[in-house]
Protein backbone atom coordinates (compact mmCIF):
# COMPACT_ATOMS: atom_id res chain seq x y z
CA MET A 1 24.15 -4.53 -2.36
CA LEU A 2 21.72 -1.72 -3.06
CA LYS A 3 22.00 1.48 -1.02
CA LEU A 4 18.68 3.05 -0.14
CA PHE A 5 17.79 5.98 2.02
CA LYS A 6 15.00 6.00 4.57
CA LYS A 7 14.01 9.44 5.78
CA ASP A 8 12.02 10.35 8.87
CA LYS A 9 11.22 13.66 10.53
CA GLU A 10 14.43 13.82 12.53
CA ASN A 11 17.16 12.15 10.53
CA LYS A 12 18.17 10.31 7.43
CA GLU A 13 19.10 6.69 7.91
CA GLU A 14 21.07 4.84 5.29
CA ILE A 15 20.23 1.21 4.84
CA GLN A 16 21.63 -1.39 2.47
CA LEU A 17 19.50 -4.06 0.88
CA ASP A 18 21.00 -7.29 -0.37
CA PHE A 19 19.60 -8.06 -3.81
CA ASP A 20 20.49 -11.72 -3.26
CA ASN A 21 18.15 -11.92 -0.26
CA ILE A 22 15.00 -10.13 -1.38
CA PRO A 23 11.90 -11.97 -0.06
CA LYS A 24 10.30 -13.82 -2.94
CA HIS A 25 6.77 -13.39 -1.57
CA ILE A 26 5.54 -10.49 0.56
CA ALA A 27 2.00 -10.47 1.97
CA ILE A 28 0.45 -7.28 3.33
CA ILE A 29 -2.57 -6.77 5.58
CA MET A 30 -3.71 -3.37 4.32
CA ASP A 31 -4.86 -2.02 7.67
CA GLY A 32 -5.50 1.54 8.82
CA ASN A 33 -7.62 3.01 6.04
CA GLY A 34 -10.45 3.83 8.46
CA ARG A 35 -8.09 5.34 11.05
CA TRP A 36 -6.45 7.45 8.35
CA ALA A 37 -9.84 8.83 7.30
CA LYS A 38 -10.98 9.42 10.89
CA GLN A 39 -7.84 11.42 11.67
CA ARG A 40 -8.76 13.70 8.76
CA LYS A 41 -12.49 13.79 9.58
CA LEU A 42 -13.26 12.08 6.29
CA PRO A 43 -15.65 9.20 5.47
CA ARG A 44 -14.12 5.75 5.80
CA SER A 45 -14.61 5.27 2.06
CA MET A 46 -12.05 8.03 1.47
CA GLY A 47 -9.55 6.06 3.49
CA HIS A 48 -10.10 3.00 1.32
CA LYS A 49 -9.70 5.15 -1.78
CA ALA A 50 -6.42 6.53 -0.46
CA GLY A 51 -5.33 2.96 0.25
CA VAL A 52 -5.76 2.09 -3.43
CA GLU A 53 -3.26 4.80 -4.34
CA THR A 54 -0.77 3.14 -2.00
CA ILE A 55 -1.21 -0.18 -3.81
CA ARG A 56 0.06 1.37 -7.02
CA ARG A 57 3.21 2.76 -5.38
CA ILE A 58 4.07 -0.30 -3.31
CA LEU A 59 3.50 -2.73 -6.17
CA LYS A 60 5.82 -0.70 -8.39
CA GLU A 61 8.50 -0.55 -5.69
CA ALA A 62 8.23 -4.26 -4.91
CA ASP A 63 8.65 -5.06 -8.59
CA ARG A 64 11.67 -2.74 -8.81
CA LEU A 65 13.31 -4.46 -5.85
CA GLY A 66 12.79 -7.93 -7.32
CA VAL A 67 9.88 -9.27 -5.27
CA LYS A 68 8.12 -11.97 -7.30
CA TYR A 69 4.79 -12.25 -5.46
CA ILE A 70 2.72 -9.68 -3.58
CA THR A 71 -0.44 -10.71 -1.71
CA LEU A 72 -2.77 -7.97 -0.48
CA TYR A 73 -5.51 -8.63 2.10
CA ALA A 74 -8.33 -6.45 0.75
CA PHE A 75 -11.63 -7.89 2.03
CA SER A 76 -12.11 -10.72 4.51
CA THR A 77 -15.02 -13.09 4.98
CA GLU A 78 -15.66 -11.22 8.23
CA ASN A 79 -15.84 -7.82 6.52
CA TRP A 80 -19.43 -8.55 5.45
CA LYS A 81 -20.34 -7.58 9.03
CA ARG A 82 -19.40 -3.96 8.32
CA PRO A 83 -22.08 -1.36 7.53
CA LYS A 84 -23.73 -1.98 4.16
CA ASP A 85 -22.67 1.38 2.74
CA GLU A 86 -19.02 0.62 3.52
CA VAL A 87 -19.24 -2.86 1.98
CA ASP A 88 -20.92 -1.43 -1.12
CA ALA A 89 -18.19 1.22 -1.35
CA LEU A 90 -15.48 -1.46 -1.16
CA MET A 91 -17.12 -3.47 -3.93
CA LYS A 92 -17.41 -0.36 -6.08
CA LEU A 93 -13.81 0.54 -5.35
CA LEU A 94 -12.59 -2.88 -6.50
CA VAL A 95 -14.46 -2.49 -9.79
CA GLN A 96 -13.01 1.00 -10.22
CA TYR A 97 -9.51 -0.25 -9.44
CA LEU A 98 -9.73 -3.04 -11.98
CA THR A 99 -11.27 -0.75 -14.59
CA ASN A 100 -8.63 1.94 -14.14
CA GLU A 101 -5.56 -0.18 -13.44
CA VAL A 102 -5.83 -3.48 -15.24
CA GLU A 103 -4.50 -2.22 -18.57
CA GLY A 104 -1.50 -0.69 -16.83
CA LEU A 105 -0.95 -3.87 -14.86
CA HIS A 106 -1.11 -5.85 -18.08
CA GLN A 107 1.33 -3.56 -19.89
CA ASN A 108 3.79 -3.97 -17.00
CA GLY A 109 3.54 -7.75 -17.11
CA VAL A 110 1.68 -8.14 -13.81
CA ILE A 111 -0.25 -11.36 -13.28
CA LEU A 112 -3.43 -10.72 -11.29
CA ARG A 113 -4.95 -13.48 -9.19
CA ILE A 114 -7.79 -13.40 -6.68
CA LEU A 115 -7.72 -15.44 -3.47
CA GLY A 116 -11.15 -16.11 -2.04
CA ASP A 117 -14.70 -17.06 -2.98
CA ILE A 118 -15.61 -14.77 -5.86
CA ASN A 119 -18.86 -16.65 -6.47
CA ALA A 120 -20.33 -14.89 -3.43
CA LEU A 121 -19.60 -11.45 -4.88
CA PRO A 122 -22.07 -9.29 -6.83
CA GLY A 123 -22.31 -10.22 -10.50
CA ALA A 124 -20.66 -7.05 -11.84
CA VAL A 125 -17.73 -7.45 -9.43
CA LYS A 126 -17.21 -11.10 -10.35
CA GLU A 127 -17.37 -10.28 -14.05
CA LYS A 128 -14.74 -7.55 -13.78
CA ILE A 129 -12.48 -9.85 -11.74
CA CYS A 130 -12.72 -12.63 -14.32
CA GLU A 131 -11.93 -10.21 -17.15
CA ALA A 132 -8.83 -8.93 -15.36
CA ILE A 133 -7.60 -12.42 -14.50
CA ASP A 134 -8.05 -13.58 -18.08
CA LEU A 135 -6.27 -10.53 -19.51
CA THR A 136 -3.16 -10.93 -17.34
CA LYS A 137 -2.92 -14.70 -16.94
CA ASN A 138 -0.14 -15.19 -19.51
CA ASN A 139 2.08 -12.34 -18.30
CA LYS A 140 5.58 -13.01 -16.99
CA GLY A 141 6.04 -10.32 -14.34
CA ILE A 142 5.27 -9.95 -10.65
CA VAL A 143 2.23 -11.86 -9.37
CA LEU A 144 -0.36 -9.73 -7.57
CA ASN A 145 -2.64 -11.82 -5.38
CA VAL A 146 -5.63 -9.89 -4.06
CA ALA A 147 -7.36 -11.66 -1.15
CA PHE A 148 -10.99 -10.63 -1.55
CA ASN A 149 -13.81 -12.39 0.30
CA TYR A 150 -11.00 -14.43 1.80
CA GLY A 151 -10.65 -16.11 5.18
CA GLY A 152 -7.87 -18.46 6.25
CA ARG A 153 -10.15 -20.85 8.16
CA ASN A 154 -12.64 -20.86 5.31
CA GLU A 155 -9.81 -21.68 2.90
CA ILE A 156 -8.71 -24.67 4.98
CA VAL A 157 -12.29 -25.97 5.36
CA ARG A 158 -12.76 -25.65 1.59
CA ALA A 159 -9.52 -27.59 1.00
CA ILE A 160 -10.58 -30.40 3.37
CA LYS A 161 -13.96 -30.76 1.69
CA ASN A 162 -12.37 -30.92 -1.76
CA ILE A 163 -9.80 -33.48 -0.62
CA VAL A 164 -12.54 -35.65 0.95
CA SER A 165 -14.52 -35.43 -2.29
CA ASP A 166 -11.49 -36.47 -4.34
CA VAL A 167 -10.71 -39.35 -1.97
CA GLU A 168 -14.29 -40.60 -2.25
CA SER A 169 -14.17 -40.38 -6.06
CA GLY A 170 -10.84 -42.20 -6.20
CA ASN A 171 -8.84 -39.26 -7.53
CA VAL A 172 -6.74 -39.05 -4.35
CA ASN A 173 -5.30 -41.90 -2.30
CA GLU A 174 -5.72 -41.22 1.41
CA GLU A 175 -2.18 -42.45 2.02
CA ASN A 176 -0.85 -39.67 -0.21
CA ILE A 177 -2.33 -36.82 1.84
CA ASP A 178 0.56 -34.70 3.11
CA GLU A 179 1.46 -31.03 3.48
CA ASN A 180 2.26 -30.63 -0.21
CA LEU A 181 -1.07 -32.10 -1.29
CA ILE A 182 -3.00 -29.88 1.11
CA SER A 183 -1.12 -26.82 -0.16
CA ASN A 184 -2.23 -27.69 -3.68
CA TYR A 185 -5.88 -27.40 -2.60
CA LEU A 186 -5.47 -23.87 -1.26
CA TYR A 187 -6.15 -20.64 -3.15
CA THR A 188 -2.40 -20.00 -3.08
CA LYS A 189 -1.47 -23.24 -4.82
CA ASP A 190 0.40 -21.33 -7.54
CA SER A 191 2.38 -19.15 -5.11
CA PRO A 192 5.10 -20.00 -2.58
CA ASP A 193 4.38 -19.39 1.10
CA PRO A 194 5.03 -15.76 2.11
CA ASP A 195 8.52 -15.02 3.38
CA LEU A 196 7.40 -11.76 4.95
CA ILE A 197 4.01 -10.57 6.22
CA ILE A 198 3.60 -6.84 6.80
CA ARG A 199 0.86 -5.25 8.88
CA PRO A 200 0.72 -1.46 9.14
CA SER A 201 -1.52 0.62 11.47
CA GLY A 202 -0.17 -0.61 14.80
CA GLU A 203 -2.25 -3.79 15.13
CA GLN A 204 -0.31 -7.01 15.78
CA ARG A 205 -2.49 -9.94 14.84
CA ILE A 206 -2.94 -12.18 11.80
CA SER A 207 -6.74 -11.66 11.39
CA ASN A 208 -7.49 -14.99 9.70
CA PHE A 209 -4.95 -14.33 6.93
CA LEU A 210 -2.95 -17.12 5.26
CA LEU A 211 -3.16 -19.32 8.37
CA TRP A 212 -1.65 -22.40 6.72
CA GLN A 213 0.87 -20.49 4.62
CA CYS A 214 2.33 -18.30 7.40
CA ALA A 215 3.86 -21.18 9.38
CA TYR A 216 7.41 -19.89 8.87
CA SER A 217 6.76 -16.34 7.67
CA GLU A 218 8.56 -13.39 9.23
CA PHE A 219 6.19 -10.71 10.59
CA TRP A 220 6.83 -6.97 10.43
CA TYR A 221 4.60 -4.37 12.07
CA SER A 222 4.40 -0.61 11.61
CA ASN A 223 2.37 2.17 13.24
CA VAL A 224 1.94 3.84 9.85
CA ASN A 225 -1.59 3.58 8.44
CA TRP A 226 -1.77 1.89 5.05
CA PRO A 227 -2.56 5.06 3.00
CA ASP A 228 0.68 6.60 4.35
CA PHE A 229 2.77 3.45 3.87
CA SER A 230 5.68 4.46 1.65
CA GLU A 231 8.37 2.92 -0.49
CA SER A 232 10.86 3.57 2.31
CA ASP A 233 8.62 1.65 4.74
CA LEU A 234 8.72 -1.32 2.39
CA GLN A 235 12.50 -1.02 2.15
CA LYS A 236 12.80 -0.95 5.95
CA ALA A 237 10.63 -4.06 6.27
CA ILE A 238 12.83 -5.90 3.78
CA TYR A 239 15.96 -4.65 5.54
CA ASP A 240 14.71 -6.00 8.88
CA TYR A 241 13.80 -9.28 7.18
CA GLN A 242 17.31 -9.59 5.79
CA ASN A 243 18.80 -9.13 9.27
CA ARG A 244 16.84 -11.97 10.85
CA ASP A 245 18.03 -15.54 11.27
CA ARG A 246 15.48 -17.80 9.61
CA ARG A 247 16.01 -21.33 10.94
CA PHE A 248 12.72 -23.01 9.96
CA GLY A 249 12.73 -25.04 13.18
CA GLY A 250 16.44 -25.88 13.01
CA VAL A 251 19.26 -24.75 15.28
């Protein structure tokens, strides 16, 4: 058991985490950057920038606690509908993040993977992504999946098309199509399904995120906007996860 302390404005609550029951894979919908900025009368881009700082802290804490995979929902296929200046700022921010952080990620053994269609991204963004993936691919530490230009329905459609193509070419026998085979055609083929999905900011929906993979995930919601999401919030989410009865359809 690991004793941790979660503080709020009124009291200090002691919680105990069981190191033998740490979720192997945690996925996070990084929501609330825009609300955080609006509350402070700042441009939305400043909220996204503040959200990047949170990534650093939460990734470090997850690694310390023994989480093996972290998946962050950074940019969806629907986010292209946002104002062009905001989209451009998000693309620039990703390049800045990779430029500033990738060496540190590499030194700490982090394996960086991108979930989504990177071919649709601007050339400079795609190039920086490929460089970061190549640099960290042989590391042995925590896996950081960044879902960028990602959509759950799009992922499933892509998988179906690739399976059909492989059936037609004779590489896959139609009789062998099952859940495991389909999973191997998804962007997350090298990661287990998420045990826990966290969504801050008060919203309670999945937003086209890991639709296939979340079949038996536990969900945890918080009213805290992502830039303010703290290590103690992560600990509380894991604590709640550990106190649930996961039956996977059984009794």
